Amino acid sequence: MTLPHIRVAAASFAISLAAFIGCSQDTLAAAPVATIGAPSADLAPTLLRVGLGADALAASGASAADTTQAAADLDAWLADHPGEIAAADAAWATANQAATTVKRKVKSGQATPEEVASLPGLETTRDAAAATRDGLLVGAFDAATASLTAAQTSALSAIQANSSWNLATYFLVVDRTQEDWVALRNALDETRIAAKYGESVSAESLAVISSALGSTAVATAKVDVDTNLAAIETAWNAATS
């Protein structure tokens, strides 16, 4: 049994003991739970990197217990792959710098014939390094979500894929066209600005937001975030510290 799973087992034992002695769930939640071993220093940043922050987990429908288990599973994976993501990052950075430097010289006409000839190989090395790094991140995500449901994992994948739009997490659980993302982002921006200056929001923007919130997946994710985020944040912080 790995250290992360020992921590989960210890927590489960504490829950059973509390139930046996008649301790309430609220009292149990407030009580500190002893842990054996500290999590990897890479656990929190890796969770965030693969899209498993507390807000994403809440929007996916995961619970606080799911969060604890996901963190433990990823911690075990990190223990089995020590330093591999950092090494892959470093390899990609080196390969990317080499390819970028030569490519700039080629574009400016300052590259030697040897440098021109080397560029395809440098780009191949860079792409291979990226594939290695990305494969490790997929492995980390798969390990962390192994105990989650297919629906929760699918929602987390969607949130990660759509995260570049920087909208509230519950909006990210569904895919949209580029045009629809832009319209939603602009409508939400207009709403924030209107609230700041005491102005009214256009009917068009209100309709866009209402339509987005009308999605069953989005509405469910919003309720999950509103209901469970605080507990999940507590579990996430406890699991990563």
C-alpha atoms as a PDB file:
ATOM      1  CA  MET A   1       0.000   0.000   0.000  1.00  0.00           C
ATOM      2  CA  THR A   2       1.392   3.398  -0.932  1.00  0.00           C
ATOM      3  CA  LEU A   3       1.563   6.340   1.458  1.00  0.00           C
ATOM      4  CA  PRO A   4      -1.330   8.216  -0.247  1.00  0.00           C
ATOM      5  CA  HIS A   5      -3.560   5.189   0.127  1.00  0.00           C
ATOM      6  CA  ILE A   6      -2.486   4.791   3.758  1.00  0.00           C
ATOM      7  CA  ARG A   7      -3.703   8.360   4.335  1.00  0.00           C
ATOM      8  CA  VAL A   8      -7.074   7.478   2.782  1.00  0.00           C
ATOM      9  CA  ALA A   9      -7.282   4.308   4.879  1.00  0.00           C
ATOM     10  CA  ALA A  10      -6.497   6.303   8.011  1.00  0.00           C
ATOM     11  CA  ALA A  11      -9.246   8.773   7.194  1.00  0.00           C
ATOM     12  CA  SER A  12     -11.699   5.909   6.548  1.00  0.00           C
ATOM     13  CA  PHE A  13     -10.797   4.346   9.904  1.00  0.00           C
ATOM     14  CA  ALA A  14     -11.373   7.684  11.645  1.00  0.00           C
ATOM     15  CA  ILE A  15     -14.816   7.933  10.043  1.00  0.00           C
ATOM     16  CA  SER A  16     -15.733   4.409  11.175  1.00  0.00           C
ATOM     17  CA  LEU A  17     -14.473   5.107  14.694  1.00  0.00           C
ATOM     18  CA  ALA A  18     -16.439   8.343  14.921  1.00  0.00           C
ATOM     19  CA  ALA A  19     -19.599   6.551  13.829  1.00  0.00           C
ATOM     20  CA  PHE A  20     -18.994   3.833  16.425  1.00  0.00           C
ATOM     21  CA  ILE A  21     -18.621   6.296  19.297  1.00  0.00           C
ATOM     22  CA  GLY A  22     -21.574   8.387  18.174  1.00  0.00           C
ATOM     23  CA  CYS A  23     -19.695  11.414  16.891  1.00  0.00           C
ATOM     24  CA  SER A  24     -21.709  13.594  14.497  1.00  0.00           C
ATOM     25  CA  GLN A  25     -20.591  14.154  10.924  1.00  0.00           C
ATOM     26  CA  ASP A  26     -20.176  17.882  11.601  1.00  0.00           C
ATOM     27  CA  THR A  27     -17.926  17.176  14.563  1.00  0.00           C
ATOM     28  CA  LEU A  28     -15.968  14.686  12.536  1.00  0.00           C
ATOM     29  CA  ALA A  29     -15.507  17.145   9.689  1.00  0.00           C
ATOM     30  CA  ALA A  30     -14.111  19.709  12.095  1.00  0.00           C
ATOM     31  CA  ALA A  31     -11.726  17.267  13.744  1.00  0.00           C
ATOM     32  CA  PRO A  32      -8.152  16.934  12.458  1.00  0.00           C
ATOM     33  CA  VAL A  33      -7.320  13.626  10.809  1.00  0.00           C
ATOM     34  CA  ALA A  34      -3.850  12.248  11.353  1.00  0.00           C
ATOM     35  CA  THR A  35      -1.908  11.400   8.180  1.00  0.00           C
ATOM     36  CA  ILE A  36       1.044   9.132   7.588  1.00  0.00           C
ATOM     37  CA  GLY A  37       3.594  10.690   5.272  1.00  0.00           C
ATOM     38  CA  ALA A  38       3.457  13.967   3.416  1.00  0.00           C
ATOM     39  CA  PRO A  39       2.194  14.287  -0.156  1.00  0.00           C
ATOM     40  CA  SER A  40       4.576  14.994  -2.990  1.00  0.00           C
ATOM     41  CA  ALA A  41       5.563  18.632  -3.399  1.00  0.00           C
ATOM     42  CA  ASP A  42       4.491  18.190  -7.020  1.00  0.00           C
ATOM     43  CA  LEU A  43       0.966  17.083  -6.131  1.00  0.00           C
ATOM     44  CA  ALA A  44      -0.781  20.464  -5.990  1.00  0.00           C
ATOM     45  CA  PRO A  45       0.867  21.929  -9.120  1.00  0.00           C
ATOM     46  CA  THR A  46       0.262  18.725 -11.056  1.00  0.00           C
ATOM     47  CA  LEU A  47      -3.401  18.618 -10.061  1.00  0.00           C
ATOM     48  CA  LEU A  48      -3.777  22.174 -11.307  1.00  0.00           C
ATOM     49  CA  ARG A  49      -1.801  21.495 -14.460  1.00  0.00           C
ATOM     50  CA  VAL A  50      -4.023  18.607 -15.515  1.00  0.00           C
ATOM     51  CA  GLY A  51      -7.181  20.588 -14.771  1.00  0.00           C
ATOM     52  CA  LEU A  52      -8.096  19.178 -11.380  1.00  0.00           C
ATOM     53  CA  GLY A  53      -8.401  22.297  -9.282  1.00  0.00           C
ATOM     54  CA  ALA A  54     -11.141  22.441  -6.668  1.00  0.00           C
ATOM     55  CA  ASP A  55     -13.461  24.481  -8.887  1.00  0.00           C
ATOM     56  CA  ALA A  56     -13.144  22.034 -11.795  1.00  0.00           C
ATOM     57  CA  LEU A  57     -13.761  19.054  -9.543  1.00  0.00           C
ATOM     58  CA  ALA A  58     -16.832  20.758  -8.112  1.00  0.00           C
ATOM     59  CA  ALA A  59     -18.191  21.572 -11.571  1.00  0.00           C
ATOM     60  CA  SER A  60     -17.668  17.967 -12.660  1.00  0.00           C
ATOM     61  CA  GLY A  61     -19.977  16.733  -9.920  1.00  0.00           C
ATOM     62  CA  ALA A  62     -17.197  15.224  -7.809  1.00  0.00           C
ATOM     63  CA  SER A  63     -17.531  15.208  -4.017  1.00  0.00           C
ATOM     64  CA  ALA A  64     -15.067  16.055  -1.271  1.00  0.00           C
ATOM     65  CA  ALA A  65     -14.403  12.324  -0.845  1.00  0.00           C
ATOM     66  CA  ASP A  66     -13.793  12.008  -4.588  1.00  0.00           C
ATOM     67  CA  THR A  67     -11.322  14.867  -4.341  1.00  0.00           C
ATOM     68  CA  THR A  68      -9.390  13.185  -1.535  1.00  0.00           C
ATOM     69  CA  GLN A  69      -9.222   9.947  -3.518  1.00  0.00           C
ATOM     70  CA  ALA A  70      -8.185  11.685  -6.743  1.00  0.00           C
ATOM     71  CA  ALA A  71      -5.357  13.446  -4.941  1.00  0.00           C
ATOM     72  CA  ALA A  72      -4.228  10.193  -3.329  1.00  0.00           C
ATOM     73  CA  ASP A  73      -4.278   8.377  -6.664  1.00  0.00           C
ATOM     74  CA  LEU A  74      -2.232  11.090  -8.342  1.00  0.00           C
ATOM     75  CA  ASP A  75       0.192  11.183  -5.421  1.00  0.00           C
ATOM     76  CA  ALA A  76       0.742   7.451  -5.859  1.00  0.00           C
ATOM     77  CA  TRP A  77       1.347   7.960  -9.592  1.00  0.00           C
ATOM     78  CA  LEU A  78       3.872  10.706  -8.881  1.00  0.00           C
ATOM     79  CA  ALA A  79       5.676   8.387  -6.485  1.00  0.00           C
ATOM     80  CA  ASP A  80       5.917   5.833  -9.290  1.00  0.00           C
ATOM     81  CA  HIS A  81       7.146   8.475 -11.781  1.00  0.00           C
ATOM     82  CA  PRO A  82       9.486  10.640  -9.684  1.00  0.00           C
ATOM     83  CA  GLY A  83      10.682  13.765 -11.449  1.00  0.00           C
ATOM     84  CA  GLU A  84       9.533  12.565 -14.860  1.00  0.00           C
ATOM     85  CA  ILE A  85       7.261  15.512 -15.651  1.00  0.00           C
ATOM     86  CA  ALA A  86       9.931  18.023 -14.608  1.00  0.00           C
ATOM     87  CA  ALA A  87      12.529  16.208 -16.727  1.00  0.00           C
ATOM     88  CA  ALA A  88      10.148  16.180 -19.702  1.00  0.00           C
ATOM     89  CA  ASP A  89       9.496  19.891 -19.263  1.00  0.00           C
ATOM     90  CA  ALA A  90      13.230  20.583 -19.223  1.00  0.00           C
ATOM     91  CA  ALA A  91      13.833  18.421 -22.296  1.00  0.00           C
ATOM     92  CA  TRP A  92      11.087  20.218 -24.208  1.00  0.00           C
ATOM     93  CA  ALA A  93      12.370  23.652 -23.157  1.00  0.00           C
ATOM     94  CA  THR A  94      15.867  22.816 -24.362  1.00  0.00           C
ATOM     95  CA  ALA A  95      14.661  21.348 -27.655  1.00  0.00           C
ATOM     96  CA  ASN A  96      12.253  24.226 -28.243  1.00  0.00           C
ATOM     97  CA  GLN A  97      14.953  26.823 -27.611  1.00  0.00           C
ATOM     98  CA  ALA A  98      17.316  25.117 -30.042  1.00  0.00           C
ATOM     99  CA  ALA A  99      14.683  24.877 -32.781  1.00  0.00           C
ATOM    100  CA  THR A 100      13.446  28.435 -32.214  1.00  0.00           C
ATOM    101  CA  THR A 101      16.947  29.919 -32.346  1.00  0.00           C
ATOM    102  CA  VAL A 102      17.785  28.267 -35.650  1.00  0.00           C
ATOM    103  CA  LYS A 103      14.365  29.024 -37.143  1.00  0.00           C
ATOM    104  CA  ARG A 104      14.791  32.726 -36.401  1.00  0.00           C
ATOM    105  CA  LYS A 105      18.186  32.709 -38.079  1.00  0.00           C
ATOM    106  CA  VAL A 106      16.744  30.944 -41.113  1.00  0.00           C
ATOM    107  CA  LYS A 107      13.898  33.486 -41.383  1.00  0.00           C
ATOM    108  CA  SER A 108      16.321  36.398 -41.104  1.00  0.00           C
ATOM    109  CA  GLY A 109      18.635  34.937 -43.704  1.00  0.00           C
ATOM    110  CA  GLN A 110      21.516  34.684 -41.244  1.00  0.00           C
ATOM    111  CA  ALA A 111      21.628  30.894 -40.918  1.00  0.00           C
ATOM    112  CA  THR A 112      24.505  28.871 -42.296  1.00  0.00           C
ATOM    113  CA  PRO A 113      23.754  26.016 -44.726  1.00  0.00           C
ATOM    114  CA  GLU A 114      24.426  23.589 -41.883  1.00  0.00           C
ATOM    115  CA  GLU A 115      21.899  25.349 -39.648  1.00  0.00           C
ATOM    116  CA  VAL A 116      19.297  25.343 -42.421  1.00  0.00           C
ATOM    117  CA  ALA A 117      19.813  21.628 -42.869  1.00  0.00           C
ATOM    118  CA  SER A 118      19.571  21.008 -39.123  1.00  0.00           C
ATOM    119  CA  LEU A 119      16.209  22.707 -38.632  1.00  0.00           C
ATOM    120  CA  PRO A 120      13.924  19.762 -39.570  1.00  0.00           C
ATOM    121  CA  GLY A 121      15.772  17.508 -37.133  1.00  0.00           C
ATOM    122  CA  LEU A 122      15.602  20.094 -34.369  1.00  0.00           C
ATOM    123  CA  GLU A 123      11.867  20.499 -34.872  1.00  0.00           C
ATOM    124  CA  THR A 124      11.406  16.725 -34.834  1.00  0.00           C
ATOM    125  CA  THR A 125      13.291  16.539 -31.529  1.00  0.00           C
ATOM    126  CA  ARG A 126      11.154  19.339 -30.111  1.00  0.00           C
ATOM    127  CA  ASP A 127       7.924  17.657 -31.200  1.00  0.00           C
ATOM    128  CA  ALA A 128       9.044  14.333 -29.738  1.00  0.00           C
ATOM    129  CA  ALA A 129       9.832  16.043 -26.444  1.00  0.00           C
ATOM    130  CA  ALA A 130       6.381  17.642 -26.449  1.00  0.00           C
ATOM    131  CA  ALA A 131       4.769  14.260 -27.099  1.00  0.00           C
ATOM    132  CA  THR A 132       6.663  12.720 -24.189  1.00  0.00           C
ATOM    133  CA  ARG A 133       5.639  15.543 -21.855  1.00  0.00           C
ATOM    134  CA  ASP A 134       2.015  15.436 -22.996  1.00  0.00           C
ATOM    135  CA  GLY A 135       1.920  11.672 -22.584  1.00  0.00           C
ATOM    136  CA  LEU A 136       3.039  12.014 -18.981  1.00  0.00           C
ATOM    137  CA  LEU A 137       0.359  14.624 -18.310  1.00  0.00           C
ATOM    138  CA  VAL A 138      -2.283  12.342 -19.809  1.00  0.00           C
ATOM    139  CA  GLY A 139      -0.999   9.571 -17.570  1.00  0.00           C
ATOM    140  CA  ALA A 140      -1.252  11.848 -14.550  1.00  0.00           C
ATOM    141  CA  PHE A 141      -4.805  12.853 -15.463  1.00  0.00           C
ATOM    142  CA  ASP A 142      -5.839   9.239 -16.024  1.00  0.00           C
ATOM    143  CA  ALA A 143      -4.371   8.204 -12.673  1.00  0.00           C
ATOM    144  CA  ALA A 144      -6.095  11.037 -10.799  1.00  0.00           C
ATOM    145  CA  THR A 145      -9.483  10.356 -12.385  1.00  0.00           C
ATOM    146  CA  ALA A 146      -9.352   6.563 -12.162  1.00  0.00           C
ATOM    147  CA  SER A 147     -11.885   6.473  -9.310  1.00  0.00           C
ATOM    148  CA  LEU A 148     -14.231   9.085 -10.817  1.00  0.00           C
ATOM    149  CA  THR A 149     -17.244   8.312 -12.968  1.00  0.00           C
ATOM    150  CA  ALA A 150     -17.105   8.531 -16.744  1.00  0.00           C
ATOM    151  CA  ALA A 151     -19.388  11.584 -16.636  1.00  0.00           C
ATOM    152  CA  GLN A 152     -17.148  13.367 -14.131  1.00  0.00           C
ATOM    153  CA  THR A 153     -14.031  12.564 -16.141  1.00  0.00           C
ATOM    154  CA  SER A 154     -15.681  13.770 -19.347  1.00  0.00           C
ATOM    155  CA  ALA A 155     -16.670  17.042 -17.680  1.00  0.00           C
ATOM    156  CA  LEU A 156     -13.121  17.556 -16.398  1.00  0.00           C
ATOM    157  CA  SER A 157     -11.723  16.918 -19.872  1.00  0.00           C
ATOM    158  CA  ALA A 158     -14.109  19.494 -21.331  1.00  0.00           C
ATOM    159  CA  ILE A 159     -13.217  22.038 -18.653  1.00  0.00           C
ATOM    160  CA  GLN A 160      -9.516  21.570 -19.360  1.00  0.00           C
ATOM    161  CA  ALA A 161     -10.011  21.833 -23.122  1.00  0.00           C
ATOM    162  CA  ASN A 162     -12.065  25.024 -22.785  1.00  0.00           C
ATOM    163  CA  SER A 163     -10.081  26.655 -19.981  1.00  0.00           C
ATOM    164  CA  SER A 164      -8.413  29.193 -22.291  1.00  0.00           C
ATOM    165  CA  TRP A 165     -11.685  31.141 -22.395  1.00  0.00           C
ATOM    166  CA  ASN A 166     -11.245  32.070 -18.710  1.00  0.00           C
ATOM    167  CA  LEU A 167     -14.927  31.898 -17.880  1.00  0.00           C
ATOM    168  CA  ALA A 168     -16.646  30.550 -14.781  1.00  0.00           C
ATOM    169  CA  THR A 169     -15.857  26.843 -14.641  1.00  0.00           C
ATOM    170  CA  TYR A 170     -19.463  25.719 -14.968  1.00  0.00           C
ATOM    171  CA  PHE A 171     -19.667  27.328 -18.418  1.00  0.00           C
ATOM    172  CA  LEU A 172     -16.739  25.187 -19.579  1.00  0.00           C
ATOM    173  CA  VAL A 173     -18.394  21.778 -19.216  1.00  0.00           C
ATOM    174  CA  VAL A 174     -19.872  21.986 -22.726  1.00  0.00           C
ATOM    175  CA  ASP A 175     -18.240  22.650 -26.079  1.00  0.00           C
ATOM    176  CA  ARG A 176     -19.241  25.628 -28.218  1.00  0.00           C
ATOM    177  CA  THR A 177     -18.338  27.109 -31.544  1.00  0.00           C
ATOM    178  CA  GLN A 178     -15.752  29.883 -31.615  1.00  0.00           C
ATOM    179  CA  GLU A 179     -18.537  32.331 -32.358  1.00  0.00           C
ATOM    180  CA  ASP A 180     -20.604  31.159 -29.393  1.00  0.00           C
ATOM    181  CA  TRP A 181     -17.629  31.358 -27.003  1.00  0.00           C
ATOM    182  CA  VAL A 182     -16.901  34.908 -28.092  1.00  0.00           C
ATOM    183  CA  ALA A 183     -20.548  35.908 -27.728  1.00  0.00           C
ATOM    184  CA  LEU A 184     -20.750  34.435 -24.216  1.00  0.00           C
ATOM    185  CA  ARG A 185     -17.481  36.021 -23.136  1.00  0.00           C
ATOM    186  CA  ASN A 186     -18.582  39.418 -24.435  1.00  0.00           C
ATOM    187  CA  ALA A 187     -21.984  39.123 -22.783  1.00  0.00           C
ATOM    188  CA  LEU A 188     -20.426  38.267 -19.423  1.00  0.00           C
ATOM    189  CA  ASP A 189     -17.940  41.123 -19.796  1.00  0.00           C
ATOM    190  CA  GLU A 190     -20.803  43.519 -20.511  1.00  0.00           C
ATOM    191  CA  THR A 191     -22.624  42.266 -17.416  1.00  0.00           C
ATOM    192  CA  ARG A 192     -19.588  42.862 -15.191  1.00  0.00           C
ATOM    193  CA  ILE A 193     -19.008  46.339 -16.583  1.00  0.00           C
ATOM    194  CA  ALA A 194     -22.686  47.247 -16.272  1.00  0.00           C
ATOM    195  CA  ALA A 195     -22.713  46.121 -12.641  1.00  0.00           C
ATOM    196  CA  LYS A 196     -19.618  48.180 -11.898  1.00  0.00           C
ATOM    197  CA  TYR A 197     -21.015  51.397 -13.344  1.00  0.00           C
ATOM    198  CA  GLY A 198     -24.677  50.890 -12.549  1.00  0.00           C
ATOM    199  CA  GLU A 199     -25.676  50.520 -16.190  1.00  0.00           C
ATOM    200  CA  SER A 200     -28.218  48.226 -17.813  1.00  0.00           C
ATOM    201  CA  VAL A 201     -27.273  45.119 -19.780  1.00  0.00           C
ATOM    202  CA  SER A 202     -28.447  44.772 -23.362  1.00  0.00           C
ATOM    203  CA  ALA A 203     -31.252  42.337 -24.097  1.00  0.00           C
ATOM    204  CA  GLU A 204     -28.950  40.537 -26.530  1.00  0.00           C
ATOM    205  CA  SER A 205     -26.322  39.847 -23.867  1.00  0.00           C
ATOM    206  CA  LEU A 206     -28.943  38.746 -21.353  1.00  0.00           C
ATOM    207  CA  ALA A 207     -30.301  36.313 -23.923  1.00  0.00           C
ATOM    208  CA  VAL A 208     -26.851  34.869 -24.591  1.00  0.00           C
ATOM    209  CA  ILE A 209     -26.204  34.301 -20.884  1.00  0.00           C
ATOM    210  CA  SER A 210     -29.679  32.893 -20.307  1.00  0.00           C
ATOM    211  CA  SER A 211     -29.192  30.451 -23.162  1.00  0.00           C
ATOM    212  CA  ALA A 212     -25.852  29.305 -21.774  1.00  0.00           C
ATOM    213  CA  LEU A 213     -27.290  28.820 -18.293  1.00  0.00           C
ATOM    214  CA  GLY A 214     -30.231  26.979 -19.831  1.00  0.00           C
ATOM    215  CA  SER A 215     -27.985  24.085 -20.774  1.00  0.00           C
ATOM    216  CA  THR A 216     -28.701  21.141 -18.483  1.00  0.00           C
ATOM    217  CA  ALA A 217     -24.989  20.371 -18.141  1.00  0.00           C
ATOM    218  CA  VAL A 218     -24.135  23.986 -17.282  1.00  0.00           C
ATOM    219  CA  ALA A 219     -27.040  24.372 -14.865  1.00  0.00           C
ATOM    220  CA  THR A 220     -26.084  21.154 -13.079  1.00  0.00           C
ATOM    221  CA  ALA A 221     -22.437  22.190 -12.894  1.00  0.00           C
ATOM    222  CA  LYS A 222     -23.399  25.580 -11.461  1.00  0.00           C
ATOM    223  CA  VAL A 223     -25.508  23.966  -8.735  1.00  0.00           C
ATOM    224  CA  ASP A 224     -22.656  21.573  -7.937  1.00  0.00           C
ATOM    225  CA  VAL A 225     -20.192  24.458  -7.655  1.00  0.00           C
ATOM    226  CA  ASP A 226     -22.537  26.546  -5.514  1.00  0.00           C
ATOM    227  CA  THR A 227     -23.286  23.584  -3.252  1.00  0.00           C
ATOM    228  CA  ASN A 228     -20.005  21.695  -2.970  1.00  0.00           C
ATOM    229  CA  LEU A 229     -17.092  24.010  -3.744  1.00  0.00           C
ATOM    230  CA  ALA A 230     -16.336  24.971  -0.137  1.00  0.00           C
ATOM    231  CA  ALA A 231     -16.125  21.344   1.015  1.00  0.00           C
ATOM    232  CA  ILE A 232     -14.076  20.365  -2.008  1.00  0.00           C
ATOM    233  CA  GLU A 233     -11.639  23.233  -1.443  1.00  0.00           C
ATOM    234  CA  THR A 234     -11.164  22.039   2.126  1.00  0.00           C
ATOM    235  CA  ALA A 235     -10.548  18.466   0.975  1.00  0.00           C
ATOM    236  CA  TRP A 236      -8.212  19.608  -1.827  1.00  0.00           C
ATOM    237  CA  ASN A 237      -6.130  21.740   0.511  1.00  0.00           C
ATOM    238  CA  ALA A 238      -5.953  18.983   3.114  1.00  0.00           C
ATOM    239  CA  ALA A 239      -4.897  16.396   0.551  1.00  0.00           C
ATOM    240  CA  THR A 240      -2.141  18.531  -0.924  1.00  0.00           C
ATOM    241  CA  SER A 241      -0.578  19.859   2.287  1.00  0.00           C
END
